[in-house]
Amino acid sequence: MAFFVGLFTAFLPVPGQMIIAAVAALLLRCNLPLSVGLVWVTNPVTITPAYYIAYRVGTLLLGVSPSVDFEFTWSWVSTSLDTIWIPLLVGCLTCGLLLGALGYFVIMMLWRIKVMHNWRKRRRRRRAHS
């Protein structure tokens, strides 16, 4: 669940993502450090391409044409916010849900594989001692 919380929160286009992830982790009783750490998937280096992709996903889902002169600068965002905020929010929520769910299911599969492997090892050891 921590992977879902962290990856979903990473795509929320709001300040305070680490606090949101921490509160969600506490409420859902999942791994707090992992939830907060995964928020850094969107860091100062990756935030521009991640939010641009989210914006494009939002425009695709809403069927609106994307802004041709897209820049991820504060001045452009503040002047264009009235036209980009809905596609950006829809795209961020969609990407967060998809990546969070993907992270959750991948971790669950890896956990099950590990548990099955440990059970097989234990069974082999018991047979060897019998």
C-alpha atoms as a PDB file:
ATOM      1  CA  MET A   1       0.000   0.000   0.000  1.00  0.00           C
ATOM      2  CA  ALA A   2       2.958   2.307   0.641  1.00  0.00           C
ATOM      3  CA  PHE A   3       3.867   2.184  -3.053  1.00  0.00           C
ATOM      4  CA  PHE A   4       0.362   3.249  -4.007  1.00  0.00           C
ATOM      5  CA  VAL A   5       0.335   6.106  -1.488  1.00  0.00           C
ATOM      6  CA  GLY A   6       3.786   7.393  -2.450  1.00  0.00           C
ATOM      7  CA  LEU A   7       3.369   7.187  -6.214  1.00  0.00           C
ATOM      8  CA  PHE A   8      -0.141   8.610  -6.170  1.00  0.00           C
ATOM      9  CA  THR A   9       0.893  11.500  -3.943  1.00  0.00           C
ATOM     10  CA  ALA A  10       3.950  12.182  -6.112  1.00  0.00           C
ATOM     11  CA  PHE A  11       1.628  13.210  -8.935  1.00  0.00           C
ATOM     12  CA  LEU A  12      -0.562  15.541  -6.915  1.00  0.00           C
ATOM     13  CA  PRO A  13       0.104  19.047  -8.276  1.00  0.00           C
ATOM     14  CA  VAL A  14       0.116  20.665  -4.842  1.00  0.00           C
ATOM     15  CA  PRO A  15       2.816  21.702  -2.383  1.00  0.00           C
ATOM     16  CA  GLY A  16       3.293  19.572   0.720  1.00  0.00           C
ATOM     17  CA  GLN A  17       3.259  16.194  -0.989  1.00  0.00           C
ATOM     18  CA  MET A  18       5.426  14.649   1.739  1.00  0.00           C
ATOM     19  CA  ILE A  19       2.963  15.727   4.434  1.00  0.00           C
ATOM     20  CA  ILE A  20       0.028  14.380   2.431  1.00  0.00           C
ATOM     21  CA  ALA A  21       1.853  11.061   1.918  1.00  0.00           C
ATOM     22  CA  ALA A  22       2.703  10.854   5.630  1.00  0.00           C
ATOM     23  CA  VAL A  23      -0.890  11.479   6.702  1.00  0.00           C
ATOM     24  CA  ALA A  24      -2.193   8.969   4.147  1.00  0.00           C
ATOM     25  CA  ALA A  25       0.360   6.382   5.285  1.00  0.00           C
ATOM     26  CA  LEU A  26      -0.681   6.831   8.904  1.00  0.00           C
ATOM     27  CA  LEU A  27      -4.379   6.606   8.047  1.00  0.00           C
ATOM     28  CA  LEU A  28      -3.885   3.527   5.862  1.00  0.00           C
ATOM     29  CA  ARG A  29      -1.343   2.000   8.267  1.00  0.00           C
ATOM     30  CA  CYS A  30       1.292   1.414   5.642  1.00  0.00           C
ATOM     31  CA  ASN A  31       5.036   1.986   5.598  1.00  0.00           C
ATOM     32  CA  LEU A  32       5.539   5.677   6.419  1.00  0.00           C
ATOM     33  CA  PRO A  33       9.177   6.120   5.269  1.00  0.00           C
ATOM     34  CA  LEU A  34       8.513   4.323   1.986  1.00  0.00           C
ATOM     35  CA  SER A  35       5.358   6.350   1.279  1.00  0.00           C
ATOM     36  CA  VAL A  36       7.139   9.634   1.958  1.00  0.00           C
ATOM     37  CA  GLY A  37      10.281   8.599   0.077  1.00  0.00           C
ATOM     38  CA  LEU A  38       8.385   7.618  -3.065  1.00  0.00           C
ATOM     39  CA  VAL A  39       7.022  11.137  -3.321  1.00  0.00           C
ATOM     40  CA  TRP A  40      10.491  12.088  -4.552  1.00  0.00           C
ATOM     41  CA  VAL A  41       9.798  10.284  -7.831  1.00  0.00           C
ATOM     42  CA  THR A  42       8.744  13.772  -8.867  1.00  0.00           C
ATOM     43  CA  ASN A  43      11.777  15.787  -7.849  1.00  0.00           C
ATOM     44  CA  PRO A  44      13.183  19.041  -9.261  1.00  0.00           C
ATOM     45  CA  VAL A  45      14.729  17.109 -12.157  1.00  0.00           C
ATOM     46  CA  THR A  46      11.725  14.932 -13.071  1.00  0.00           C
ATOM     47  CA  ILE A  47       8.805  17.197 -12.222  1.00  0.00           C
ATOM     48  CA  THR A  48       8.751  19.029 -15.554  1.00  0.00           C
ATOM     49  CA  PRO A  49       8.516  15.942 -17.788  1.00  0.00           C
ATOM     50  CA  ALA A  50       6.193  14.152 -15.346  1.00  0.00           C
ATOM     51  CA  TYR A  51       3.719  17.028 -15.180  1.00  0.00           C
ATOM     52  CA  TYR A  52       3.978  17.623 -18.929  1.00  0.00           C
ATOM     53  CA  ILE A  53       3.085  13.978 -19.569  1.00  0.00           C
ATOM     54  CA  ALA A  54       0.265  14.262 -17.025  1.00  0.00           C
ATOM     55  CA  TYR A  55      -0.966  17.424 -18.761  1.00  0.00           C
ATOM     56  CA  ARG A  56      -0.952  15.652 -22.139  1.00  0.00           C
ATOM     57  CA  VAL A  57      -2.815  12.672 -20.630  1.00  0.00           C
ATOM     58  CA  GLY A  58      -5.381  15.102 -19.246  1.00  0.00           C
ATOM     59  CA  THR A  59      -5.871  16.809 -22.603  1.00  0.00           C
ATOM     60  CA  LEU A  60      -6.240  13.416 -24.261  1.00  0.00           C
ATOM     61  CA  LEU A  61      -8.828  12.228 -21.731  1.00  0.00           C
ATOM     62  CA  LEU A  62     -10.792  15.482 -21.873  1.00  0.00           C
ATOM     63  CA  GLY A  63     -10.563  15.786 -25.653  1.00  0.00           C
ATOM     64  CA  VAL A  64      -9.146  19.304 -25.575  1.00  0.00           C
ATOM     65  CA  SER A  65      -6.251  20.562 -27.638  1.00  0.00           C
ATOM     66  CA  PRO A  66      -3.040  21.073 -25.676  1.00  0.00           C
ATOM     67  CA  SER A  67      -1.414  24.459 -25.414  1.00  0.00           C
ATOM     68  CA  VAL A  68       1.186  24.689 -28.154  1.00  0.00           C
ATOM     69  CA  ASP A  69       3.488  27.052 -26.279  1.00  0.00           C
ATOM     70  CA  PHE A  70       3.819  24.904 -23.156  1.00  0.00           C
ATOM     71  CA  GLU A  71       6.583  26.056 -20.804  1.00  0.00           C
ATOM     72  CA  PHE A  72       7.090  24.893 -17.271  1.00  0.00           C
ATOM     73  CA  THR A  73       8.047  28.254 -15.851  1.00  0.00           C
ATOM     74  CA  TRP A  74       6.295  30.029 -13.002  1.00  0.00           C
ATOM     75  CA  SER A  75       5.363  33.040 -15.147  1.00  0.00           C
ATOM     76  CA  TRP A  76       3.832  30.879 -17.898  1.00  0.00           C
ATOM     77  CA  VAL A  77       1.983  28.650 -15.409  1.00  0.00           C
ATOM     78  CA  SER A  78       0.586  31.646 -13.496  1.00  0.00           C
ATOM     79  CA  THR A  79      -0.691  33.328 -16.669  1.00  0.00           C
ATOM     80  CA  SER A  80      -2.020  30.102 -18.248  1.00  0.00           C
ATOM     81  CA  LEU A  81      -3.409  28.447 -15.126  1.00  0.00           C
ATOM     82  CA  ASP A  82      -7.025  29.165 -16.026  1.00  0.00           C
ATOM     83  CA  THR A  83      -6.709  27.070 -19.224  1.00  0.00           C
ATOM     84  CA  ILE A  84      -4.354  24.298 -18.108  1.00  0.00           C
ATOM     85  CA  TRP A  85      -5.445  23.466 -14.565  1.00  0.00           C
ATOM     86  CA  ILE A  86      -8.296  21.084 -15.426  1.00  0.00           C
ATOM     87  CA  PRO A  87      -6.292  18.946 -17.924  1.00  0.00           C
ATOM     88  CA  LEU A  88      -3.306  19.029 -15.566  1.00  0.00           C
ATOM     89  CA  LEU A  89      -5.378  17.920 -12.585  1.00  0.00           C
ATOM     90  CA  VAL A  90      -7.153  15.159 -14.537  1.00  0.00           C
ATOM     91  CA  GLY A  91      -3.840  13.951 -15.960  1.00  0.00           C
ATOM     92  CA  CYS A  92      -2.078  14.056 -12.589  1.00  0.00           C
ATOM     93  CA  LEU A  93      -4.860  12.111 -10.865  1.00  0.00           C
ATOM     94  CA  THR A  94      -4.970   9.573 -13.709  1.00  0.00           C
ATOM     95  CA  CYS A  95      -1.185   9.100 -13.803  1.00  0.00           C
ATOM     96  CA  GLY A  96      -1.061   8.908 -10.009  1.00  0.00           C
ATOM     97  CA  LEU A  97      -3.797   6.282  -9.876  1.00  0.00           C
ATOM     98  CA  LEU A  98      -2.277   4.222 -12.692  1.00  0.00           C
ATOM     99  CA  LEU A  99       1.303   4.351 -11.424  1.00  0.00           C
ATOM    100  CA  GLY A 100       0.202   3.840  -7.830  1.00  0.00           C
ATOM    101  CA  ALA A 101      -1.854   0.793  -8.794  1.00  0.00           C
ATOM    102  CA  LEU A 102       0.992  -0.534 -10.946  1.00  0.00           C
ATOM    103  CA  GLY A 103       3.446  -0.124  -8.057  1.00  0.00           C
ATOM    104  CA  TYR A 104       1.026  -1.809  -5.654  1.00  0.00           C
ATOM    105  CA  PHE A 105       0.450  -4.834  -7.893  1.00  0.00           C
ATOM    106  CA  VAL A 106       4.130  -5.242  -8.821  1.00  0.00           C
ATOM    107  CA  ILE A 107       5.123  -5.226  -5.143  1.00  0.00           C
ATOM    108  CA  MET A 108       2.319  -7.679  -4.313  1.00  0.00           C
ATOM    109  CA  MET A 109       3.509 -10.031  -7.075  1.00  0.00           C
ATOM    110  CA  LEU A 110       7.131  -9.796  -5.933  1.00  0.00           C
ATOM    111  CA  TRP A 111       6.049 -10.449  -2.337  1.00  0.00           C
ATOM    112  CA  ARG A 112       4.074 -13.549  -3.372  1.00  0.00           C
ATOM    113  CA  ILE A 113       6.986 -14.859  -5.420  1.00  0.00           C
ATOM    114  CA  LYS A 114       9.294 -14.373  -2.429  1.00  0.00           C
ATOM    115  CA  VAL A 115       6.865 -16.120  -0.056  1.00  0.00           C
ATOM    116  CA  MET A 116       6.413 -19.053  -2.461  1.00  0.00           C
ATOM    117  CA  HIS A 117      10.184 -19.326  -2.842  1.00  0.00           C
ATOM    118  CA  ASN A 118      10.629 -19.393   0.957  1.00  0.00           C
ATOM    119  CA  TRP A 119       7.930 -22.070   1.320  1.00  0.00           C
ATOM    120  CA  ARG A 120       9.645 -24.241  -1.296  1.00  0.00           C
ATOM    121  CA  LYS A 121      12.990 -23.825   0.469  1.00  0.00           C
ATOM    122  CA  ARG A 122      11.426 -24.753   3.795  1.00  0.00           C
ATOM    123  CA  ARG A 123       9.719 -27.796   2.260  1.00  0.00           C
ATOM    124  CA  ARG A 124      13.028 -28.961   0.732  1.00  0.00           C
ATOM    125  CA  ARG A 125      14.809 -28.556   4.078  1.00  0.00           C
ATOM    126  CA  ARG A 126      12.126 -30.560   5.877  1.00  0.00           C
ATOM    127  CA  ARG A 127      12.331 -33.347   3.312  1.00  0.00           C
ATOM    128  CA  ALA A 128      16.119 -33.400   3.631  1.00  0.00           C
ATOM    129  CA  HIS A 129      15.850 -33.790   7.429  1.00  0.00           C
ATOM    130  CA  SER A 130      13.223 -36.545   7.250  1.00  0.00           C
END
